[in-house]
PDB file of N, CA and C in Angstrom:
ATOM      1  N   UNK A   1      23.934 -22.612   7.842  1.00  0.00           N
ATOM      2  CA  UNK A   1      23.182 -23.828   7.627  1.00  0.00           C
ATOM      3  C   UNK A   1      22.428 -23.773   6.298  1.00  0.00           C
ATOM      4  N   UNK A   2      21.866 -22.592   5.996  1.00  0.00           N
ATOM      5  CA  UNK A   2      21.104 -22.454   4.762  1.00  0.00           C
ATOM      6  C   UNK A   2      22.016 -22.611   3.545  1.00  0.00           C
ATOM      7  N   UNK A   3      23.245 -22.086   3.627  1.00  0.00           N
ATOM      8  CA  UNK A   3      24.194 -22.244   2.520  1.00  0.00           C
ATOM      9  C   UNK A   3      24.569 -23.700   2.335  1.00  0.00           C
ATOM     10  N   UNK A   4      24.705 -24.420   3.442  1.00  0.00           N
ATOM     11  CA  UNK A   4      25.025 -25.845   3.372  1.00  0.00           C
ATOM     12  C   UNK A   4      23.904 -26.616   2.682  1.00  0.00           C
ATOM     13  N   UNK A   5      22.672 -26.300   3.016  1.00  0.00           N
ATOM     14  CA  UNK A   5      21.528 -26.980   2.393  1.00  0.00           C
ATOM     15  C   UNK A   5      21.474 -26.671   0.905  1.00  0.00           C
ATOM     16  N   UNK A   6      21.710 -25.400   0.535  1.00  0.00           N
ATOM     17  CA  UNK A   6      21.725 -25.040  -0.883  1.00  0.00           C
ATOM     18  C   UNK A   6      22.830 -25.778  -1.628  1.00  0.00           C
ATOM     19  N   UNK A   7      23.994 -25.904  -0.999  1.00  0.00           N
ATOM     20  CA  UNK A   7      25.100 -26.624  -1.614  1.00  0.00           C
ATOM     21  C   UNK A   7      24.742 -28.090  -1.831  1.00  0.00           C
ATOM     22  N   UNK A   8      24.132 -28.714  -0.837  1.00  0.00           N
ATOM     23  CA  UNK A   8      23.718 -30.113  -0.962  1.00  0.00           C
ATOM     24  C   UNK A   8      22.705 -30.270  -2.097  1.00  0.00           C
ATOM     25  N   UNK A   9      21.742 -29.356  -2.190  1.00  0.00           N
ATOM     26  CA  UNK A   9      20.735 -29.437  -3.250  1.00  0.00           C
ATOM     27  C   UNK A   9      21.349 -29.242  -4.633  1.00  0.00           C
ATOM     28  N   UNK A  10      22.335 -28.372  -4.740  1.00  0.00           N
ATOM     29  CA  UNK A  10      23.019 -28.184  -6.027  1.00  0.00           C
ATOM     30  C   UNK A  10      23.800 -29.435  -6.404  1.00  0.00           C
ATOM     31  N   UNK A  11      24.469 -30.048  -5.440  1.00  0.00           N
ATOM     32  CA  UNK A  11      25.211 -31.285  -5.712  1.00  0.00           C
ATOM     33  C   UNK A  11      24.269 -32.397  -6.145  1.00  0.00           C
ATOM     34  N   UNK A  12      23.125 -32.523  -5.461  1.00  0.00           N
ATOM     35  CA  UNK A  12      22.143 -33.550  -5.844  1.00  0.00           C
ATOM     36  C   UNK A  12      21.615 -33.267  -7.251  1.00  0.00           C
ATOM     37  N   UNK A  13      21.379 -32.017  -7.575  1.00  0.00           N
ATOM     38  CA  UNK A  13      20.907 -31.668  -8.922  1.00  0.00           C
ATOM     39  C   UNK A  13      21.936 -32.039  -9.981  1.00  0.00           C
ATOM     40  N   UNK A  14      23.207 -31.780  -9.691  1.00  0.00           N
ATOM     41  CA  UNK A  14      24.262 -32.138 -10.646  1.00  0.00           C
ATOM     42  C   UNK A  14      24.374 -33.653 -10.820  1.00  0.00           C
ATOM     43  N   UNK A  15      24.244 -34.389  -9.725  1.00  0.00           N
ATOM     44  CA  UNK A  15      24.290 -35.851  -9.810  1.00  0.00           C
ATOM     45  C   UNK A  15      23.110 -36.368 -10.634  1.00  0.00           C
ATOM     46  N   UNK A  16      21.926 -35.816 -10.395  1.00  0.00           N
ATOM     47  CA  UNK A  16      20.743 -36.240 -11.158  1.00  0.00           C
ATOM     48  C   UNK A  16      20.894 -35.910 -12.640  1.00  0.00           C
ATOM     49  N   UNK A  17      21.450 -34.754 -12.939  1.00  0.00           N
ATOM     50  CA  UNK A  17      21.675 -34.385 -14.338  1.00  0.00           C
ATOM     51  C   UNK A  17      22.676 -35.336 -14.982  1.00  0.00           C
ATOM     52  N   UNK A  18      23.725 -35.694 -14.265  1.00  0.00           N
ATOM     53  CA  UNK A  18      24.688 -36.650 -14.798  1.00  0.00           C
ATOM     54  C   UNK A  18      24.037 -38.001 -15.058  1.00  0.00           C
ATOM     55  N   UNK A  19      23.215 -38.463 -14.122  1.00  0.00           N
ATOM     56  CA  UNK A  19      22.555 -39.758 -14.290  1.00  0.00           C
ATOM     57  C   UNK A  19      21.645 -39.739 -15.510  1.00  0.00           C
ATOM     58  N   UNK A  20      20.920 -38.650 -15.689  1.00  0.00           N
ATOM     59  CA  UNK A  20      20.029 -38.558 -16.849  1.00  0.00           C
ATOM     60  C   UNK A  20      20.850 -38.547 -18.144  1.00  0.00           C
ATOM     61  N   UNK A  21      21.946 -37.807 -18.163  1.00  0.00           N
ATOM     62  CA  UNK A  21      22.785 -37.755 -19.360  1.00  0.00           C
ATOM     63  C   UNK A  21      23.499 -39.076 -19.630  1.00  0.00           C
ATOM     64  N   UNK A  22      23.960 -39.755 -18.577  1.00  0.00           N
ATOM     65  CA  UNK A  22      24.732 -40.986 -18.755  1.00  0.00           C
ATOM     66  C   UNK A  22      23.843 -42.202 -19.002  1.00  0.00           C
ATOM     67  N   UNK A  23      22.789 -42.350 -18.220  1.00  0.00           N
ATOM     68  CA  UNK A  23      21.965 -43.551 -18.303  1.00  0.00           C
ATOM     69  C   UNK A  23      20.813 -43.373 -19.283  1.00  0.00           C
ATOM     70  N   UNK A  24      20.100 -42.273 -19.143  1.00  0.00           N
ATOM     71  CA  UNK A  24      18.914 -42.083 -19.976  1.00  0.00           C
ATOM     72  C   UNK A  24      19.221 -41.717 -21.409  1.00  0.00           C
ATOM     73  N   UNK A  25      20.145 -40.778 -21.621  1.00  0.00           N
ATOM     74  CA  UNK A  25      20.437 -40.300 -22.965  1.00  0.00           C
ATOM     75  C   UNK A  25      21.724 -40.883 -23.548  1.00  0.00           C
ATOM     76  N   UNK A  26      22.540 -41.506 -22.732  1.00  0.00           N
ATOM     77  CA  UNK A  26      23.814 -42.121 -23.119  1.00  0.00           C
ATOM     78  C   UNK A  26      24.740 -41.131 -23.843  1.00  0.00           C
ATOM     79  N   UNK A  27      24.739 -39.884 -23.347  1.00  0.00           N
ATOM     80  CA  UNK A  27      25.619 -38.856 -23.905  1.00  0.00           C
ATOM     81  C   UNK A  27      26.977 -38.889 -23.204  1.00  0.00           C
ATOM     82  N   UNK A  28      26.957 -39.085 -21.907  1.00  0.00           N
ATOM     83  CA  UNK A  28      28.168 -39.099 -21.083  1.00  0.00           C
ATOM     84  C   UNK A  28      28.461 -40.552 -20.726  1.00  0.00           C
ATOM     85  N   UNK A  29      29.737 -40.960 -20.718  1.00  0.00           N
ATOM     86  CA  UNK A  29      30.034 -42.358 -20.353  1.00  0.00           C
ATOM     87  C   UNK A  29      29.725 -42.631 -18.875  1.00  0.00           C
ATOM     88  N   UNK A  30      29.349 -43.850 -18.588  1.00  0.00           N
ATOM     89  CA  UNK A  30      29.053 -44.239 -17.205  1.00  0.00           C
ATOM     90  C   UNK A  30      30.349 -44.459 -16.438  1.00  0.00           C
ATOM     91  N   UNK A  31      30.245 -44.424 -15.113  1.00  0.00           N
ATOM     92  CA  UNK A  31      31.433 -44.522 -14.265  1.00  0.00           C
ATOM     93  C   UNK A  31      31.850 -45.976 -14.059  1.00  0.00           C
ATOM     94  N   UNK A  32      30.904 -46.866 -13.843  1.00  0.00           N
ATOM     95  CA  UNK A  32      31.253 -48.251 -13.534  1.00  0.00           C
ATOM     96  C   UNK A  32      30.225 -49.193 -14.152  1.00  0.00           C
ATOM     97  N   UNK A  33      30.575 -50.451 -14.210  1.00  0.00           N
ATOM     98  CA  UNK A  33      29.669 -51.510 -14.665  1.00  0.00           C
ATOM     99  C   UNK A  33      29.612 -52.577 -13.586  1.00  0.00           C
ATOM    100  N   UNK A  34      28.440 -53.166 -13.402  1.00  0.00           N
ATOM    101  CA  UNK A  34      28.311 -54.272 -12.451  1.00  0.00           C
ATOM    102  C   UNK A  34      27.288 -55.258 -13.000  1.00  0.00           C
ATOM    103  N   UNK A  35      27.163 -56.391 -12.331  1.00  0.00           N
ATOM    104  CA  UNK A  35      26.215 -57.399 -12.800  1.00  0.00           C
ATOM    105  C   UNK A  35      24.773 -56.952 -12.598  1.00  0.00           C
ATOM    106  N   UNK A  36      24.554 -56.039 -11.677  1.00  0.00           N
ATOM    107  CA  UNK A  36      23.216 -55.563 -11.358  1.00  0.00           C
ATOM    108  C   UNK A  36      23.007 -54.130 -11.875  1.00  0.00           C
ATOM    109  N   UNK A  37      23.794 -53.741 -12.858  1.00  0.00           N
ATOM    110  CA  UNK A  37      23.790 -52.340 -13.287  1.00  0.00           C
ATOM    111  C   UNK A  37      22.475 -51.916 -13.936  1.00  0.00           C
ATOM    112  N   UNK A  38      21.787 -52.819 -14.611  1.00  0.00           N
ATOM    113  CA  UNK A  38      20.522 -52.452 -15.262  1.00  0.00           C
ATOM    114  C   UNK A  38      19.477 -52.023 -14.230  1.00  0.00           C
ATOM    115  N   UNK A  39      19.352 -52.767 -13.120  1.00  0.00           N
ATOM    116  CA  UNK A  39      18.400 -52.405 -12.071  1.00  0.00           C
ATOM    117  C   UNK A  39      18.802 -51.097 -11.376  1.00  0.00           C
ATOM    118  N   UNK A  40      20.096 -50.963 -11.099  1.00  0.00           N
ATOM    119  CA  UNK A  40      20.578 -49.745 -10.447  1.00  0.00           C
ATOM    120  C   UNK A  40      20.348 -48.542 -11.351  1.00  0.00           C
ATOM    121  N   UNK A  41      20.618 -48.724 -12.647  1.00  0.00           N
ATOM    122  CA  UNK A  41      20.414 -47.635 -13.596  1.00  0.00           C
ATOM    123  C   UNK A  41      18.941 -47.227 -13.680  1.00  0.00           C
ATOM    124  N   UNK A  42      18.044 -48.203 -13.701  1.00  0.00           N
ATOM    125  CA  UNK A  42      16.614 -47.880 -13.768  1.00  0.00           C
ATOM    126  C   UNK A  42      16.152 -47.118 -12.523  1.00  0.00           C
ATOM    127  N   UNK A  43      16.569 -47.579 -11.362  1.00  0.00           N
ATOM    128  CA  UNK A  43      16.168 -46.924 -10.124  1.00  0.00           C
ATOM    129  C   UNK A  43      16.745 -45.507 -10.055  1.00  0.00           C
ATOM    130  N   UNK A  44      18.035 -45.374 -10.350  1.00  0.00           N
ATOM    131  CA  UNK A  44      18.656 -44.054 -10.278  1.00  0.00           C
ATOM    132  C   UNK A  44      18.089 -43.111 -11.336  1.00  0.00           C
ATOM    133  N   UNK A  45      17.763 -43.621 -12.518  1.00  0.00           N
ATOM    134  CA  UNK A  45      17.178 -42.780 -13.558  1.00  0.00           C
ATOM    135  C   UNK A  45      15.784 -42.304 -13.151  1.00  0.00           C
ATOM    136  N   UNK A  46      14.979 -43.187 -12.587  1.00  0.00           N
ATOM    137  CA  UNK A  46      13.639 -42.786 -12.138  1.00  0.00           C
ATOM    138  C   UNK A  46      13.702 -41.785 -10.980  1.00  0.00           C
ATOM    139  N   UNK A  47      14.634 -41.990 -10.056  1.00  0.00           N
ATOM    140  CA  UNK A  47      14.800 -41.026  -8.967  1.00  0.00           C
ATOM    141  C   UNK A  47      15.260 -39.666  -9.491  1.00  0.00           C
ATOM    142  N   UNK A  48      16.127 -39.689 -10.483  1.00  0.00           N
ATOM    143  CA  UNK A  48      16.611 -38.430 -11.065  1.00  0.00           C
ATOM    144  C   UNK A  48      15.485 -37.690 -11.773  1.00  0.00           C
ATOM    145  N   UNK A  49      14.680 -38.416 -12.532  1.00  0.00           N
ATOM    146  CA  UNK A  49      13.529 -37.781 -13.195  1.00  0.00           C
ATOM    147  C   UNK A  49      12.579 -37.180 -12.162  1.00  0.00           C
ATOM    148  N   UNK A  50      12.345 -37.907 -11.073  1.00  0.00           N
ATOM    149  CA  UNK A  50      11.444 -37.419 -10.029  1.00  0.00           C
ATOM    150  C   UNK A  50      12.003 -36.174  -9.356  1.00  0.00           C
ATOM    151  N   UNK A  51      13.294 -36.168  -9.085  1.00  0.00           N
ATOM    152  CA  UNK A  51      13.913 -35.012  -8.439  1.00  0.00           C
ATOM    153  C   UNK A  51      13.845 -33.794  -9.350  1.00  0.00           C
ATOM    154  N   UNK A  52      14.181 -33.956 -10.629  1.00  0.00           N
ATOM    155  CA  UNK A  52      14.138 -32.835 -11.564  1.00  0.00           C
ATOM    156  C   UNK A  52      12.703 -32.327 -11.714  1.00  0.00           C
ATOM    157  N   UNK A  53      11.740 -33.225 -11.751  1.00  0.00           N
ATOM    158  CA  UNK A  53      10.329 -32.807 -11.820  1.00  0.00           C
ATOM    159  C   UNK A  53       9.938 -32.031 -10.567  1.00  0.00           C
ATOM    160  N   UNK A  54      10.426 -32.459  -9.411  1.00  0.00           N
ATOM    161  CA  UNK A  54      10.157 -31.736  -8.164  1.00  0.00           C
ATOM    162  C   UNK A  54      10.758 -30.344  -8.163  1.00  0.00           C
ATOM    163  N   UNK A  55      11.954 -30.204  -8.713  1.00  0.00           N
ATOM    164  CA  UNK A  55      12.590 -28.886  -8.794  1.00  0.00           C
ATOM    165  C   UNK A  55      11.787 -27.965  -9.708  1.00  0.00           C
ATOM    166  N   UNK A  56      11.368 -28.477 -10.850  1.00  0.00           N
ATOM    167  CA  UNK A  56      10.556 -27.679 -11.776  1.00  0.00           C
ATOM    168  C   UNK A  56       9.232 -27.289 -11.118  1.00  0.00           C
ATOM    169  N   UNK A  57       8.603 -28.224 -10.430  1.00  0.00           N
ATOM    170  CA  UNK A  57       7.354 -27.959  -9.717  1.00  0.00           C
ATOM    171  C   UNK A  57       7.572 -26.880  -8.650  1.00  0.00           C
ATOM    172  N   UNK A  58       8.668 -26.947  -7.927  1.00  0.00           N
ATOM    173  CA  UNK A  58       8.992 -25.942  -6.904  1.00  0.00           C
ATOM    174  C   UNK A  58       9.111 -24.556  -7.524  1.00  0.00           C
ATOM    175  N   UNK A  59       9.804 -24.471  -8.675  1.00  0.00           N
ATOM    176  CA  UNK A  59       9.962 -23.171  -9.331  1.00  0.00           C
ATOM    177  C   UNK A  59       8.618 -22.588  -9.741  1.00  0.00           C
ATOM    178  N   UNK A  60       7.770 -23.393 -10.349  1.00  0.00           N
ATOM    179  CA  UNK A  60       6.506 -22.867 -10.865  1.00  0.00           C
ATOM    180  C   UNK A  60       5.463 -22.613  -9.787  1.00  0.00           C
ATOM    181  N   UNK A  61       5.471 -23.378  -8.721  1.00  0.00           N
ATOM    182  CA  UNK A  61       4.432 -23.252  -7.703  1.00  0.00           C
ATOM    183  C   UNK A  61       4.845 -22.347  -6.546  1.00  0.00           C
ATOM    184  N   UNK A  62       6.103 -22.355  -6.183  1.00  0.00           N
ATOM    185  CA  UNK A  62       6.531 -21.617  -5.004  1.00  0.00           C
ATOM    186  C   UNK A  62       7.383 -20.398  -5.331  1.00  0.00           C
ATOM    187  N   UNK A  63       8.459 -20.585  -6.048  1.00  0.00           N
ATOM    188  CA  UNK A  63       9.433 -19.511  -6.230  1.00  0.00           C
ATOM    189  C   UNK A  63       8.935 -18.399  -7.146  1.00  0.00           C
ATOM    190  N   UNK A  64       8.436 -18.730  -8.331  1.00  0.00           N
ATOM    191  CA  UNK A  64       7.994 -17.697  -9.271  1.00  0.00           C
ATOM    192  C   UNK A  64       6.837 -16.860  -8.731  1.00  0.00           C
ATOM    193  N   UNK A  65       5.781 -17.449  -8.122  1.00  0.00           N
ATOM    194  CA  UNK A  65       4.732 -16.607  -7.541  1.00  0.00           C
ATOM    195  C   UNK A  65       5.243 -15.702  -6.416  1.00  0.00           C
ATOM    196  N   UNK A  66       6.184 -16.197  -5.614  1.00  0.00           N
ATOM    197  CA  UNK A  66       6.758 -15.371  -4.555  1.00  0.00           C
ATOM    198  C   UNK A  66       7.492 -14.172  -5.140  1.00  0.00           C
ATOM    199  N   UNK A  67       8.306 -14.391  -6.164  1.00  0.00           N
ATOM    200  CA  UNK A  67       9.055 -13.293  -6.771  1.00  0.00           C
ATOM    201  C   UNK A  67       8.132 -12.286  -7.447  1.00  0.00           C
ATOM    202  N   UNK A  68       7.083 -12.768  -8.095  1.00  0.00           N
ATOM    203  CA  UNK A  68       6.128 -11.862  -8.743  1.00  0.00           C
ATOM    204  C   UNK A  68       5.410 -11.019  -7.691  1.00  0.00           C
ATOM    205  N   UNK A  69       4.960 -11.647  -6.612  1.00  0.00           N
ATOM    206  CA  UNK A  69       4.279 -10.916  -5.542  1.00  0.00           C
ATOM    207  C   UNK A  69       5.219  -9.918  -4.869  1.00  0.00           C
ATOM    208  N   UNK A  70       6.459 -10.314  -4.672  1.00  0.00           N
ATOM    209  CA  UNK A  70       7.442  -9.418  -4.056  1.00  0.00           C
ATOM    210  C   UNK A  70       7.658  -8.179  -4.920  1.00  0.00           C
ATOM    211  N   UNK A  71       7.755  -8.366  -6.236  1.00  0.00           N
ATOM    212  CA  UNK A  71       7.958  -7.225  -7.131  1.00  0.00           C
ATOM    213  C   UNK A  71       6.720  -6.326  -7.202  1.00  0.00           C
ATOM    214  N   UNK A  72       5.531  -6.920  -7.064  1.00  0.00           N
ATOM    215  CA  UNK A  72       4.305  -6.113  -7.075  1.00  0.00           C
ATOM    216  C   UNK A  72       4.179  -5.274  -5.802  1.00  0.00           C
ATOM    217  N   UNK A  73       4.538  -5.847  -4.662  1.00  0.00           N
ATOM    218  CA  UNK A  73       4.342  -5.178  -3.380  1.00  0.00           C
ATOM    219  C   UNK A  73       5.477  -4.240  -2.991  1.00  0.00           C
ATOM    220  N   UNK A  74       6.619  -4.354  -3.615  1.00  0.00           N
ATOM    221  CA  UNK A  74       7.779  -3.543  -3.234  1.00  0.00           C
ATOM    222  C   UNK A  74       7.520  -2.039  -3.314  1.00  0.00           C
ATOM    223  N   UNK A  75       6.935  -1.490  -4.390  1.00  0.00           N
ATOM    224  CA  UNK A  75       6.709  -0.033  -4.403  1.00  0.00           C
ATOM    225  C   UNK A  75       5.773   0.444  -3.290  1.00  0.00           C
ATOM    226  N   UNK A  76       4.716  -0.303  -3.030  1.00  0.00           N
ATOM    227  CA  UNK A  76       3.782   0.095  -1.973  1.00  0.00           C
ATOM    228  C   UNK A  76       4.445   0.026  -0.600  1.00  0.00           C
ATOM    229  N   UNK A  77       5.222  -1.015  -0.356  1.00  0.00           N
ATOM    230  CA  UNK A  77       5.905  -1.137   0.931  1.00  0.00           C
ATOM    231  C   UNK A  77       6.970  -0.070   1.103  1.00  0.00           C
ATOM    232  N   UNK A  78       7.642   0.298   0.021  1.00  0.00           N
ATOM    233  CA  UNK A  78       8.635   1.379   0.115  1.00  0.00           C
ATOM    234  C   UNK A  78       7.978   2.696   0.507  1.00  0.00           C
ATOM    235  N   UNK A  79       6.814   2.986  -0.064  1.00  0.00           N
ATOM    236  CA  UNK A  79       6.101   4.219   0.298  1.00  0.00           C
ATOM    237  C   UNK A  79       5.674   4.200   1.763  1.00  0.00           C
ATOM    238  N   UNK A  80       5.166   3.077   2.220  1.00  0.00           N
ATOM    239  CA  UNK A  80       4.764   2.963   3.624  1.00  0.00           C
ATOM    240  C   UNK A  80       5.968   3.095   4.552  1.00  0.00           C
ATOM    241  N   UNK A  81       7.105   2.550   4.145  1.00  0.00           N
ATOM    242  CA  UNK A  81       8.301   2.648   4.968  1.00  0.00           C
ATOM    243  C   UNK A  81       8.795   4.089   5.066  1.00  0.00           C
ATOM    244  N   UNK A  82       8.748   4.811   3.963  1.00  0.00           N
ATOM    245  CA  UNK A  82       9.141   6.224   3.991  1.00  0.00           C
ATOM    246  C   UNK A  82       8.198   7.016   4.900  1.00  0.00           C
ATOM    247  N   UNK A  83       6.900   6.735   4.794  1.00  0.00           N
ATOM    248  CA  UNK A  83       5.926   7.412   5.653  1.00  0.00           C
ATOM    249  C   UNK A  83       6.192   7.102   7.125  1.00  0.00           C
ATOM    250  N   UNK A  84       6.500   5.871   7.429  1.00  0.00           N
ATOM    251  CA  UNK A  84       6.801   5.480   8.802  1.00  0.00           C
ATOM    252  C   UNK A  84       8.051   6.181   9.320  1.00  0.00           C
ATOM    253  N   UNK A  85       9.077   6.304   8.489  1.00  0.00           N
ATOM    254  CA  UNK A  85      10.299   7.000   8.896  1.00  0.00           C
ATOM    255  C   UNK A  85      10.020   8.479   9.170  1.00  0.00           C
ATOM    256  N   UNK A  86       9.184   9.083   8.350  1.00  0.00           N
ATOM    257  CA  UNK A  86       8.825  10.488   8.566  1.00  0.00           C
ATOM    258  C   UNK A  86       8.059  10.641   9.873  1.00  0.00           C
ATOM    259  N   UNK A  87       7.156   9.735  10.163  1.00  0.00           N
ATOM    260  CA  UNK A  87       6.399   9.808  11.407  1.00  0.00           C
ATOM    261  C   UNK A  87       7.300   9.612  12.621  1.00  0.00           C
ATOM    262  N   UNK A  88       8.263   8.706  12.532  1.00  0.00           N
ATOM    263  CA  UNK A  88       9.196   8.507  13.649  1.00  0.00           C
ATOM    264  C   UNK A  88      10.027   9.757  13.872  1.00  0.00           C
ATOM    265  N   UNK A  89      10.475  10.381  12.782  1.00  0.00           N
ATOM    266  CA  UNK A  89      11.243  11.615  12.897  1.00  0.00           C
ATOM    267  C   UNK A  89      10.417  12.710  13.560  1.00  0.00           C
ATOM    268  N   UNK A  90       9.179  12.845  13.156  1.00  0.00           N
ATOM    269  CA  UNK A  90       8.297  13.858  13.756  1.00  0.00           C
ATOM    270  C   UNK A  90       8.066  13.576  15.233  1.00  0.00           C
ATOM    271  N   UNK A  91       7.891  12.319  15.574  1.00  0.00           N
ATOM    272  CA  UNK A  91       7.675  11.933  16.968  1.00  0.00           C
ATOM    273  C   UNK A  91       8.887  12.284  17.820  1.00  0.00           C
ATOM    274  N   UNK A  92      10.066  11.986  17.320  1.00  0.00           N
ATOM    275  CA  UNK A  92      11.289  12.281  18.079  1.00  0.00           C
ATOM    276  C   UNK A  92      11.463  13.781  18.241  1.00  0.00           C
ATOM    277  N   UNK A  93      11.211  14.534  17.192  1.00  0.00           N
ATOM    278  CA  UNK A  93      11.368  15.989  17.272  1.00  0.00           C
ATOM    279  C   UNK A  93      10.330  16.614  18.209  1.00  0.00           C
ATOM    280  N   UNK A  94       9.152  16.008  18.306  1.00  0.00           N
ATOM    281  CA  UNK A  94       8.129  16.579  19.183  1.00  0.00           C
ATOM    282  C   UNK A  94       8.493  16.443  20.665  1.00  0.00           C
ATOM    283  N   UNK A  95       9.319  15.446  20.989  1.00  0.00           N
ATOM    284  CA  UNK A  95       9.742  15.264  22.379  1.00  0.00           C
ATOM    285  C   UNK A  95      11.132  15.827  22.648  1.00  0.00           C
ATOM    286  N   UNK A  96      11.565  16.725  21.814  1.00  0.00           N
ATOM    287  CA  UNK A  96      12.882  17.328  21.968  1.00  0.00           C
ATOM    288  C   UNK A  96      13.021  18.041  23.312  1.00  0.00           C
ATOM    289  N   UNK A  97      12.065  18.801  23.689  1.00  0.00           N
ATOM    290  CA  UNK A  97      12.172  19.555  24.948  1.00  0.00           C
ATOM    291  C   UNK A  97      12.031  18.652  26.167  1.00  0.00           C
ATOM    292  N   UNK A  98      11.252  17.589  26.068  1.00  0.00           N
ATOM    293  CA  UNK A  98      11.046  16.693  27.204  1.00  0.00           C
ATOM    294  C   UNK A  98      12.298  15.867  27.480  1.00  0.00           C
ATOM    295  N   UNK A  99      12.976  15.469  26.454  1.00  0.00           N
ATOM    296  CA  UNK A  99      14.126  14.582  26.629  1.00  0.00           C
ATOM    297  C   UNK A  99      15.410  15.315  26.977  1.00  0.00           C
ATOM    298  N   UNK A 100      15.460  16.611  26.772  1.00  0.00           N
ATOM    299  CA  UNK A 100      16.667  17.401  27.014  1.00  0.00           C
ATOM    300  C   UNK A 100      17.881  16.874  26.237  1.00  0.00           C
ATOM    301  N   UNK A 101      17.648  16.451  25.050  1.00  0.00           N
ATOM    302  CA  UNK A 101      18.719  15.966  24.185  1.00  0.00           C
ATOM    303  C   UNK A 101      18.722  16.838  22.944  1.00  0.00           C
ATOM    304  N   UNK A 102      19.915  17.166  22.471  1.00  0.00           N
ATOM    305  CA  UNK A 102      20.023  17.972  21.263  1.00  0.00           C
ATOM    306  C   UNK A 102      19.738  17.077  20.050  1.00  0.00           C
ATOM    307  N   UNK A 103      18.581  17.244  19.476  1.00  0.00           N
ATOM    308  CA  UNK A 103      18.155  16.385  18.380  1.00  0.00           C
ATOM    309  C   UNK A 103      18.154  17.100  17.040  1.00  0.00           C
ATOM    310  N   UNK A 104      18.903  18.175  16.911  1.00  0.00           N
ATOM    311  CA  UNK A 104      18.826  18.883  15.647  1.00  0.00           C
ATOM    312  C   UNK A 104      19.493  18.123  14.509  1.00  0.00           C
ATOM    313  N   UNK A 105      20.422  17.167  14.804  1.00  0.00           N
ATOM    314  CA  UNK A 105      20.991  16.398  13.701  1.00  0.00           C
ATOM    315  C   UNK A 105      20.143  15.191  13.318  1.00  0.00           C
ATOM    316  N   UNK A 106      19.158  14.843  14.113  1.00  0.00           N
ATOM    317  CA  UNK A 106      18.328  13.688  13.760  1.00  0.00           C
ATOM    318  C   UNK A 106      17.336  14.119  12.690  1.00  0.00           C
ATOM    319  N   UNK A 107      17.438  13.500  11.575  1.00  0.00           N
ATOM    320  CA  UNK A 107      16.505  13.743  10.484  1.00  0.00           C
ATOM    321  C   UNK A 107      16.266  12.415   9.771  1.00  0.00           C
ATOM    322  N   UNK A 108      15.669  12.483   8.636  1.00  0.00           N
ATOM    323  CA  UNK A 108      15.304  11.265   7.908  1.00  0.00           C
ATOM    324  C   UNK A 108      16.537  10.474   7.497  1.00  0.00           C
ATOM    325  N   UNK A 109      17.617  11.151   7.178  1.00  0.00           N
ATOM    326  CA  UNK A 109      18.815  10.452   6.717  1.00  0.00           C
ATOM    327  C   UNK A 109      19.447   9.655   7.859  1.00  0.00           C
ATOM    328  N   UNK A 110      19.530  10.228   9.041  1.00  0.00           N
ATOM    329  CA  UNK A 110      20.131   9.504  10.144  1.00  0.00           C
ATOM    330  C   UNK A 110      19.229   8.363  10.616  1.00  0.00           C
ATOM    331  N   UNK A 111      17.949   8.521  10.521  1.00  0.00           N
ATOM    332  CA  UNK A 111      17.044   7.431  10.897  1.00  0.00           C
ATOM    333  C   UNK A 111      17.157   6.287   9.891  1.00  0.00           C
ATOM    334  N   UNK A 112      17.357   6.606   8.624  1.00  0.00           N
ATOM    335  CA  UNK A 112      17.487   5.566   7.604  1.00  0.00           C
ATOM    336  C   UNK A 112      18.712   4.696   7.840  1.00  0.00           C
ATOM    337  N   UNK A 113      19.732   5.211   8.500  1.00  0.00           N
ATOM    338  CA  UNK A 113      20.920   4.398   8.799  1.00  0.00           C
ATOM    339  C   UNK A 113      20.563   3.260   9.747  1.00  0.00           C
ATOM    340  N   UNK A 114      19.611   3.475  10.639  1.00  0.00           N
ATOM    341  CA  UNK A 114      19.258   2.478  11.618  1.00  0.00           C
ATOM    342  C   UNK A 114      18.173   1.518  11.156  1.00  0.00           C
ATOM    343  N   UNK A 115      17.503   1.844  10.073  1.00  0.00           N
ATOM    344  CA  UNK A 115      16.448   0.971   9.578  1.00  0.00           C
ATOM    345  C   UNK A 115      16.882   0.422   8.268  1.00  0.00           C
TER     346      UNK A 115
END
């Protein structure tokens, strides 16, 4: 579903870019002409400008801060994750005699396969 939504948004972005190039900048030829084309062109051009402005706003307000925060927190979270894996390994090894299971192959590498 998420891929479908991304595909729809990319198609809408391409349509808006075409409208801006064809109607606003007159770089690309238009597809059709009609008696009401001036009104349709104005409405579609304004909607395209609004959509492109919304995409730019989304990048600056939502996406870029998220990526910056993710890159800042990644080293700290990796260290905490390694510490957690070591603690889980120690916990499992401490109950080796209680569980009656041969746990000598369980180490950090085998636990990392499951996480």
